Each structure stands twice: as C-alpha cells, then as structure tokens.
Amino acid sequence: MGKQLAVGVIFGGRSSEHEVSLRSAAAILAALAPEKYRAVPIGITRSGIWVAGDEASEMLAPERAGGAEAAAVAPAPPAQALRSIAGALGELEVVIPALHGTYGEDGAIQGLFEMLNLPYVGCGVLASAAGMDKIAMKQLFRQAGLPIVEFRWLSSQDWAAQGERLADRIGRELGFPLFVKPANLGSSVGITRVDDPSGFGPAVELAARYDRRLIIEKGYDVREIEVSVIGNDQPEASPPGEIISGAAFYDYADKYSPDSQSRLVIPAQLSPEQAERIRALAIRAFQAIDGAGLARVDFFLLRQTNEIVVNEINTMPGFTRISMYPKLWEAGGRSLATVLDQLIGLALARHAEKARLARQLAPETACGVGVSS
C-alpha cells in the first residue's frame, strides 16, 4: 500500500450549527478510503478548544451527534485555544473543515489555514465570508447580473432606534409574506416567515439573537431547486434537485428532524431548458464570489411566472446522510468517496498554485527601478 495522505477532518465549533457539523464529519470520515488516506478526526468544542484522538471520537458518538442543541458556552481563553490548535493540527497534509456557520464557514478558519500554509478543502477567505453573509452575497450577485429575490437589510441598532418606522416601510415595499433572517447563519436557524405586520417585530428579535445584521426578503410562491458545484477555475454543476418541504418553509426542523416530512426529488422535474439555465446560473454564482472547491447553490422557481432566481450559495454544504450536496452528485454518478477524492485534489492543486505566487518584491522593484516618485 502506498503512502497515505494525512487528512484532518475538523468538526464541531462554536456555531449554532455544531450538531449538523458532527453529522457531516461522521459521513466524511466513513467515506474516506483507508488505502489512500489516514483520516484524523479533530473536534472543536463549543468553547473553542480543539481536541483530537479519543476526545474527538467521543464528540462523534451517535448520542452526541443526534442530541438536542446545547446551550451556549463561554469561549475559551485565547492562550488555551491556541495551544490546543497547535497540538491538534500536528503533521496534517490537508484538512477538510466540515464546519457550518460562524467561525467555520465564514472565512475565519480559512484565514487560519492560510496563515499556517496548510492546504484545505473548499472556498477561500473571500468567498467563504461573502457566501456566509447573505447581504454581501446578494450585492455581489446583483453586481454580476444574476437574478435575485427582492430584499432589504437592517442592523440591530437600526431596529432599536427606529423599529416601528422600519417595519412599516419594509412591509410596504416588500409586502407580505416576507422572510426575516440573520445575515450570517445557515441551516435556516433564526429564520421566520412573516405573514402580516404583527409578526415582523418578533421575527426581528429572533434573528437579532444570532447576528447584528438582518436581511428581509420578499416571499414568493416557489419551488426550491438546488445544485451542487465542484471545481476551482473550471467548475462543474450537478443535475438539479428539488426540495419539497413538509412545513411552511424548509426550516431547521424540516431539514434535520427524524420526523421531517420533506422530500428530495432528484433529478428535479424541469424542462431541459430550465435545468440547463439553473446549472449555468449556479456556476455564475460560484464565480461571482470567487468560489473554489465546492458549494451548493439554491434557487427559487417562481410558480406564477416560471422565473428562476438565485436564492443563496452555501460554501460548505452538509454531508449528512440526508444532505443534498452528496445526493446530487450521487445522482450524477459520483459516490461520496469519489467526490472527496476530487475535493482533496482540488485543495492541493489550489494550494500549489498559490505557492507559486511571489511573496516579496522583485529585486529591481525593491531597488526603486521603475517606481515613480
């Protein structure tokens, strides 16, 4: 057997999506081919301490992965957290950050990997940050000419200063129903569908528990279509799939509860022209944020007009047994093991490409040659 590549799979974290991350990591670890990889599970506790070995395995125990969301924990002191990071990363050759939400999917941990010169699967700092912040994401999509839903945004300070006035104005401009969301979160945490003005205030208060910036989107009667993307500079898009929600909208419980009534339809029942347009828009959305490695792009197909609009991009989609990202590639003929092989290869290729970039001034520039005063 040839040399195994040491692959760290990092999971957990301080995000409200901690539990989803555990499930994603368990699926990834089970799919990594042992003849190719030496998989190293690395957990991040809710307080921010990095653990490996038996402690990491304990975090992935079934009763923990399927348990209820725990209460918030105060972050660990910086010195303690730094010591734990250094010990956990060890001699890894590449990492898969199976982390969702704040501190894992928003560019924070990607910046750490860049500083450590450690190859990692997935989008870089810019794309991760933009993909996590729904306001910045939609502004980039709009700049790139992509069709998006109508939206407004506000800060928690705006709401504290002029809540009633803002509620009236946004309600008039967008109409009802509308959706109030934290700008930086995933898995539908903190999202509320608002059907009339009385529900606006409570929805804002809920979203503000998770982020200081909030996005409000116009509600439509839609079909929800998703596409998986893989690649660096020449990304590929999977066949589209459709989520048929068992609730008023595809919320956290509908995504992850064992009692969920939602259904995944793969491939989605679309015309060839619709499917091709959605796949092309998925690649454009990926490129609009400078995506790399992987992403899942979510769409709305408006029932009344058949218009297709980009809803959002998820730069580290779930890898659980019910997650759409691996299921869409499976429908396209790629197993999870094959997808992971490709993602690791893309991570190493991107790291090698960046390693060739100049990190210091050329001699003639350093000496002042050709530099205008």
Protein backbone atom coordinates (compact mmCIF):
# COMPACT_ATOMS: atom_id res chain seq x y z
CA MET A 1 0.00 0.00 0.00
CA GLY A 2 1.32 3.45 -0.92
CA LYS A 3 1.77 6.35 1.44
CA GLN A 4 -1.47 7.51 2.99
CA LEU A 5 -2.23 11.21 2.85
CA ALA A 6 -2.84 12.62 6.34
CA VAL A 7 -6.28 14.28 6.12
CA GLY A 8 -7.69 16.18 9.06
CA VAL A 9 -11.48 16.33 9.29
CA ILE A 10 -12.42 19.25 11.53
CA PHE A 11 -15.87 19.46 13.07
CA GLY A 12 -17.97 20.97 15.85
CA GLY A 13 -17.15 24.59 16.64
CA ARG A 14 -18.83 27.48 18.39
CA SER A 15 -21.60 27.88 15.82
CA SER A 16 -25.26 27.11 16.43
CA GLU A 17 -24.78 24.53 13.65
CA HIS A 18 -22.43 22.48 15.85
CA GLU A 19 -24.63 19.36 15.74
CA VAL A 20 -25.01 19.42 11.96
CA SER A 21 -21.23 19.65 11.66
CA LEU A 22 -20.83 16.46 13.71
CA ARG A 23 -23.12 14.58 11.35
CA SER A 24 -21.31 15.88 8.27
CA ALA A 25 -17.92 14.90 9.70
CA ALA A 26 -19.10 11.39 10.59
CA ALA A 27 -20.23 10.82 6.99
CA ILE A 28 -16.97 12.18 5.57
CA LEU A 29 -14.79 10.08 7.87
CA ALA A 30 -16.74 6.95 6.94
CA ALA A 31 -16.29 7.65 3.21
CA LEU A 32 -12.54 8.45 3.12
CA ALA A 33 -10.80 5.46 1.56
CA PRO A 34 -8.36 4.00 4.16
CA GLU A 35 -5.97 2.78 1.45
CA LYS A 36 -5.50 6.40 0.33
CA TYR A 37 -5.94 8.49 3.46
CA ARG A 38 -5.01 8.48 7.12
CA ALA A 39 -8.10 10.24 8.44
CA VAL A 40 -7.54 12.32 11.57
CA PRO A 41 -10.72 13.48 13.34
CA ILE A 42 -10.32 16.86 15.04
CA GLY A 43 -13.11 18.32 17.13
CA ILE A 44 -13.68 21.88 18.24
CA THR A 45 -15.73 22.09 21.41
CA ARG A 46 -18.46 24.64 21.93
CA SER A 47 -15.99 26.73 23.93
CA GLY A 48 -13.42 26.69 21.10
CA ILE A 49 -10.96 24.08 22.38
CA TRP A 50 -9.50 21.79 19.69
CA VAL A 51 -9.34 18.09 20.56
CA ALA A 52 -8.05 15.01 18.78
CA GLY A 53 -7.83 11.28 19.46
CA ASP A 54 -10.33 9.78 21.88
CA GLU A 55 -11.77 13.17 22.79
CA ALA A 56 -12.60 13.89 19.15
CA SER A 57 -14.10 10.43 18.68
CA GLU A 58 -16.26 10.96 21.76
CA MET A 59 -17.69 14.11 20.20
CA LEU A 60 -18.84 11.99 17.25
CA ALA A 61 -20.62 9.36 19.36
CA PRO A 62 -24.14 8.78 17.98
CA GLU A 63 -25.90 10.03 21.07
CA ARG A 64 -23.98 13.31 20.84
CA ALA A 65 -24.46 13.73 17.09
CA GLY A 66 -28.19 13.18 17.35
CA GLY A 67 -28.75 15.12 20.54
CA ALA A 68 -30.56 18.37 21.13
CA GLU A 69 -28.74 21.65 20.61
CA ALA A 70 -26.80 22.57 23.73
CA ALA A 71 -26.76 25.92 25.44
CA ALA A 72 -24.11 28.48 24.52
CA VAL A 73 -20.73 28.08 26.19
CA ALA A 74 -18.32 30.89 27.01
CA PRO A 75 -15.31 30.88 24.65
CA ALA A 76 -12.02 29.53 25.97
CA PRO A 77 -9.18 31.95 26.84
CA PRO A 78 -7.08 32.73 23.71
CA ALA A 79 -3.86 31.17 25.03
CA GLN A 80 -5.60 27.90 25.86
CA ALA A 81 -7.31 27.80 22.45
CA LEU A 82 -4.03 28.48 20.62
CA ARG A 83 -2.21 25.69 22.43
CA SER A 84 -4.99 23.26 21.56
CA ILE A 85 -4.89 24.26 17.86
CA ALA A 86 -1.15 23.66 17.58
CA GLY A 87 -1.46 20.23 19.19
CA ALA A 88 -4.39 19.08 17.08
CA LEU A 89 -3.11 20.04 13.62
CA GLY A 90 0.15 18.12 14.03
CA GLU A 91 1.54 16.78 10.74
CA LEU A 92 -1.57 17.10 8.58
CA GLU A 93 -1.13 17.43 4.82
CA VAL A 94 -4.63 18.73 4.03
CA VAL A 95 -7.76 19.49 6.05
CA ILE A 96 -11.47 19.22 5.40
CA PRO A 97 -13.24 21.85 7.52
CA ALA A 98 -16.60 20.11 7.96
CA LEU A 99 -17.79 23.19 9.82
CA HIS A 100 -21.02 25.05 9.22
CA GLY A 101 -21.90 28.58 10.23
CA THR A 102 -19.97 31.16 12.20
CA TYR A 103 -16.21 30.65 12.73
CA GLY A 104 -16.11 27.72 10.31
CA GLU A 105 -17.82 28.70 7.09
CA ASP A 106 -17.35 32.47 7.19
CA GLY A 107 -13.66 32.79 6.33
CA ALA A 108 -12.40 32.77 9.93
CA ILE A 109 -10.87 29.30 9.95
CA GLN A 110 -9.87 29.61 6.29
CA GLY A 111 -7.72 32.58 7.31
CA LEU A 112 -6.05 30.42 9.97
CA PHE A 113 -5.22 27.76 7.38
CA GLU A 114 -3.78 30.43 5.06
CA MET A 115 -1.54 31.72 7.87
CA LEU A 116 -0.39 28.16 8.58
CA ASN A 117 0.21 27.47 4.87
CA LEU A 118 -1.99 24.38 5.21
CA PRO A 119 -4.00 23.11 2.20
CA TYR A 120 -7.73 22.96 2.87
CA VAL A 121 -10.86 21.83 1.07
CA GLY A 122 -13.31 24.47 -0.04
CA CYS A 123 -13.61 28.17 -0.63
CA GLY A 124 -11.02 30.71 0.48
CA VAL A 125 -11.37 33.61 2.87
CA LEU A 126 -13.15 35.99 0.49
CA ALA A 127 -15.62 33.50 -0.95
CA SER A 128 -16.37 31.99 2.45
CA ALA A 129 -17.05 35.38 4.02
CA ALA A 130 -19.17 36.57 1.10
CA GLY A 131 -21.05 33.29 0.89
CA MET A 132 -21.85 33.40 4.60
CA ASP A 133 -23.09 37.00 4.67
CA LYS A 134 -26.41 36.99 2.84
CA ILE A 135 -26.32 40.76 2.36
CA ALA A 136 -22.84 40.88 0.81
CA MET A 137 -23.65 37.76 -1.20
CA LYS A 138 -26.75 39.23 -2.78
CA GLN A 139 -24.97 42.50 -3.50
CA LEU A 140 -22.27 40.57 -5.37
CA PHE A 141 -24.89 38.54 -7.22
CA ARG A 142 -26.68 41.71 -8.25
CA GLN A 143 -23.40 43.26 -9.43
CA ALA A 144 -22.77 40.13 -11.53
CA GLY A 145 -26.19 40.49 -13.17
CA LEU A 146 -27.72 37.41 -11.54
CA PRO A 147 -31.48 37.34 -10.91
CA ILE A 148 -32.16 37.53 -7.15
CA VAL A 149 -35.11 37.96 -4.82
CA GLU A 150 -36.04 41.48 -3.71
CA PHE A 151 -34.58 42.25 -0.28
CA ARG A 152 -33.83 44.90 2.32
CA TRP A 153 -31.43 44.81 5.26
CA LEU A 154 -31.01 46.48 8.63
CA SER A 155 -28.82 46.31 11.70
CA SER A 156 -29.98 45.56 15.23
CA GLN A 157 -29.03 49.16 16.07
CA ASP A 158 -31.31 50.42 13.28
CA TRP A 159 -34.11 48.35 14.75
CA ALA A 160 -33.51 49.65 18.27
CA ALA A 161 -33.55 53.25 17.04
CA GLN A 162 -36.47 53.20 14.58
CA GLY A 163 -38.12 49.80 14.70
CA GLU A 164 -41.73 50.72 14.02
CA ARG A 165 -40.84 53.09 11.20
CA LEU A 166 -38.62 50.48 9.57
CA ALA A 167 -41.25 47.78 9.92
CA ASP A 168 -43.85 49.97 8.22
CA ARG A 169 -41.53 50.96 5.37
CA ILE A 170 -40.21 47.46 4.66
CA GLY A 171 -43.69 45.96 4.89
CA ARG A 172 -44.97 48.47 2.31
CA GLU A 173 -42.01 47.96 -0.02
CA LEU A 174 -41.82 44.16 0.04
CA GLY A 175 -45.36 43.21 1.00
CA PHE A 176 -46.31 40.00 2.81
CA PRO A 177 -45.35 37.26 3.24
CA LEU A 178 -41.70 38.03 3.81
CA PHE A 179 -38.78 36.27 5.48
CA VAL A 180 -36.59 37.71 8.23
CA LYS A 181 -33.15 36.10 8.57
CA PRO A 182 -29.83 36.63 10.33
CA ALA A 183 -27.36 37.79 7.68
CA ASN A 184 -24.69 35.31 8.85
CA LEU A 185 -26.04 31.86 9.63
CA GLY A 186 -27.11 28.68 7.90
CA SER A 187 -29.35 25.63 8.28
CA SER A 188 -32.35 28.01 8.48
CA VAL A 189 -31.50 28.91 12.07
CA GLY A 190 -33.22 32.11 13.25
CA ILE A 191 -35.43 32.44 10.16
CA THR A 192 -39.10 33.39 10.39
CA ARG A 193 -41.80 33.59 7.73
CA VAL A 194 -43.87 36.70 8.44
CA ASP A 195 -47.41 36.75 7.04
CA ASP A 196 -48.65 40.07 8.45
CA PRO A 197 -47.28 43.20 10.18
CA SER A 198 -47.85 41.82 13.69
CA GLY A 199 -45.20 39.16 13.18
CA PHE A 200 -42.44 41.47 11.99
CA GLY A 201 -41.15 42.60 15.39
CA PRO A 202 -40.89 39.12 16.96
CA ALA A 203 -39.15 37.83 13.81
CA VAL A 204 -36.55 40.60 14.01
CA GLU A 205 -35.99 39.92 17.71
CA LEU A 206 -35.37 36.23 16.98
CA ALA A 207 -32.96 36.89 14.09
CA ALA A 208 -31.09 39.51 16.15
CA ARG A 209 -30.23 36.81 18.71
CA TYR A 210 -27.89 35.32 16.09
CA ASP A 211 -26.45 38.30 14.21
CA ARG A 212 -26.16 42.08 14.37
CA ARG A 213 -27.23 42.42 10.70
CA LEU A 214 -30.52 41.10 9.36
CA ILE A 215 -31.87 40.54 5.88
CA ILE A 216 -35.55 40.73 4.93
CA GLU A 217 -36.62 39.03 1.72
CA LYS A 218 -39.84 39.18 -0.24
CA GLY A 219 -41.81 35.95 -0.05
CA TYR A 220 -42.88 34.17 -3.20
CA ASP A 221 -44.82 31.04 -4.09
CA VAL A 222 -41.88 28.94 -5.22
CA ARG A 223 -40.35 25.60 -5.96
CA GLU A 224 -36.98 25.17 -4.22
CA ILE A 225 -34.24 23.88 -6.51
CA GLU A 226 -30.65 23.12 -5.53
CA VAL A 227 -27.47 22.43 -7.49
CA SER A 228 -24.09 21.15 -6.32
CA VAL A 229 -20.94 22.75 -7.74
CA ILE A 230 -17.42 21.30 -7.71
CA GLY A 231 -14.18 22.69 -9.13
CA ASN A 232 -11.79 25.61 -8.99
CA ASP A 233 -11.41 27.76 -12.09
CA GLN A 234 -13.47 25.41 -14.26
CA PRO A 235 -16.38 24.38 -12.01
CA GLU A 236 -18.98 21.76 -12.86
CA ALA A 237 -22.63 21.77 -11.86
CA SER A 238 -24.63 18.69 -10.88
CA PRO A 239 -28.12 17.79 -12.06
CA PRO A 240 -30.64 19.99 -10.19
CA GLY A 241 -32.70 18.56 -7.36
CA GLU A 242 -35.88 19.81 -5.72
CA ILE A 243 -36.81 20.07 -2.06
CA ILE A 244 -40.50 19.64 -1.32
CA SER A 245 -40.88 20.94 2.20
CA GLY A 246 -43.15 19.35 4.75
CA ALA A 247 -43.51 22.66 6.62
CA ALA A 248 -44.45 26.25 5.83
CA PHE A 249 -40.84 26.64 4.66
CA TYR A 250 -37.71 24.49 4.75
CA ASP A 251 -36.68 25.31 8.34
CA TYR A 252 -34.15 23.66 10.67
CA ALA A 253 -36.57 21.03 11.97
CA ASP A 254 -37.76 20.19 8.47
CA LYS A 255 -34.13 19.71 7.38
CA TYR A 256 -32.82 17.61 10.26
CA SER A 257 -35.64 16.20 12.38
CA PRO A 258 -36.23 12.42 12.15
CA ASP A 259 -39.94 13.29 11.83
CA SER A 260 -39.39 15.62 8.87
CA GLN A 261 -41.98 15.30 6.10
CA SER A 262 -39.77 17.00 3.49
CA ARG A 263 -38.82 15.12 0.32
CA LEU A 264 -35.85 15.37 -2.02
CA VAL A 265 -36.66 14.85 -5.70
CA ILE A 266 -33.57 14.06 -7.77
CA PRO A 267 -33.43 14.97 -10.56
CA ALA A 268 -35.92 17.83 -10.29
CA GLN A 269 -38.83 17.70 -12.69
CA LEU A 270 -37.76 20.52 -15.00
CA SER A 271 -37.66 21.13 -18.71
CA PRO A 272 -34.22 20.62 -20.30
CA GLU A 273 -34.02 24.38 -20.85
CA GLN A 274 -34.81 25.14 -17.20
CA ALA A 275 -32.29 22.59 -15.93
CA GLU A 276 -29.54 23.96 -18.19
CA ARG A 277 -30.25 27.56 -17.17
CA ILE A 278 -30.16 26.67 -13.48
CA ARG A 279 -26.85 24.83 -13.87
CA ALA A 280 -25.36 27.77 -15.77
CA LEU A 281 -26.56 30.24 -13.12
CA ALA A 282 -25.07 28.02 -10.39
CA ILE A 283 -21.65 28.29 -11.99
CA ARG A 284 -22.01 32.06 -12.42
CA ALA A 285 -22.98 32.43 -8.76
CA PHE A 286 -19.96 30.33 -7.74
CA GLN A 287 -17.67 32.50 -9.83
CA ALA A 288 -19.27 35.74 -8.60
CA ILE A 289 -17.88 35.13 -5.10
CA ASP A 290 -14.60 33.60 -6.38
CA GLY A 291 -15.62 30.14 -5.20
CA ALA A 292 -13.24 27.20 -5.01
CA GLY A 293 -13.65 23.52 -4.26
CA LEU A 294 -17.34 23.18 -3.62
CA ALA A 295 -20.63 24.92 -2.99
CA ARG A 296 -24.34 24.30 -3.18
CA VAL A 297 -26.41 26.96 -4.94
CA ASP A 298 -30.08 27.30 -4.04
CA PHE A 299 -32.72 28.63 -6.42
CA PHE A 300 -36.35 29.65 -6.41
CA LEU A 301 -38.54 28.79 -9.38
CA LEU A 302 -41.45 31.22 -9.12
CA ARG A 303 -44.66 29.31 -9.77
CA GLN A 304 -46.67 32.20 -11.22
CA THR A 305 -44.10 33.34 -13.78
CA ASN A 306 -41.65 30.40 -14.11
CA GLU A 307 -38.88 32.91 -13.41
CA ILE A 308 -35.69 31.43 -11.96
CA VAL A 309 -33.88 33.43 -9.27
CA VAL A 310 -30.77 32.68 -7.22
CA ASN A 311 -31.59 32.46 -3.52
CA GLU A 312 -28.17 31.85 -1.95
CA ILE A 313 -24.89 29.97 -2.09
CA ASN A 314 -23.64 27.66 0.66
CA THR A 315 -19.84 27.30 0.60
CA MET A 316 -19.68 24.33 2.98
CA PRO A 317 -22.92 22.39 2.46
CA GLY A 318 -23.90 19.49 4.66
CA PHE A 319 -22.56 15.98 4.11
CA THR A 320 -25.09 14.20 6.31
CA ARG A 321 -26.96 11.15 5.05
CA ILE A 322 -29.87 13.39 4.01
CA SER A 323 -27.84 16.31 2.64
CA MET A 324 -28.48 17.44 -0.91
CA TYR A 325 -24.85 18.09 -1.91
CA PRO A 326 -23.65 14.45 -1.95
CA LYS A 327 -27.03 13.16 -3.08
CA LEU A 328 -26.96 15.35 -6.21
CA TRP A 329 -23.50 14.10 -7.17
CA GLU A 330 -24.59 10.54 -6.49
CA ALA A 331 -27.41 11.09 -8.99
CA GLY A 332 -24.77 12.34 -11.42
CA GLY A 333 -22.79 9.10 -11.00
CA ARG A 334 -20.24 10.10 -8.33
CA SER A 335 -20.06 8.43 -4.94
CA LEU A 336 -19.18 10.41 -1.83
CA ALA A 337 -15.75 8.76 -1.82
CA THR A 338 -15.18 9.94 -5.41
CA VAL A 339 -16.34 13.46 -4.57
CA LEU A 340 -13.98 13.59 -1.57
CA ASP A 341 -11.08 12.42 -3.76
CA GLN A 342 -11.82 15.24 -6.17
CA LEU A 343 -12.20 17.85 -3.43
CA ILE A 344 -8.88 16.88 -1.85
CA GLY A 345 -7.19 17.04 -5.25
CA LEU A 346 -8.68 20.49 -5.87
CA ALA A 347 -7.46 21.70 -2.48
CA LEU A 348 -3.91 20.53 -3.14
CA ALA A 349 -3.91 21.99 -6.66
CA ARG A 350 -5.13 25.38 -5.43
CA HIS A 351 -2.55 25.43 -2.65
CA ALA A 352 0.23 24.59 -5.13
CA GLU A 353 -0.96 27.35 -7.47
CA LYS A 354 -0.88 29.94 -4.68
CA ALA A 355 2.56 28.71 -3.56
CA ARG A 356 3.95 29.84 -6.93
CA LEU A 357 2.90 33.45 -6.34
CA ALA A 358 5.58 35.99 -5.48
CA ARG A 359 5.70 36.89 -1.79
CA GLN A 360 8.37 39.56 -1.98
CA LEU A 361 9.29 42.43 -4.29
CA ALA A 362 11.36 41.68 -7.36
CA PRO A 363 14.97 42.95 -6.98
CA GLU A 364 14.56 45.76 -9.50
CA THR A 365 11.39 46.95 -7.77
CA ALA A 366 12.94 46.73 -4.32
CA CYS A 367 15.85 48.90 -5.53
CA GLY A 368 13.46 51.52 -6.82
CA VAL A 369 13.86 50.77 -10.55
CA GLY A 370 10.69 51.66 -12.42
CA VAL A 371 8.93 53.03 -9.37
CA SER A 372 7.51 56.53 -9.88
CA SER A 373 8.10 59.07 -7.13
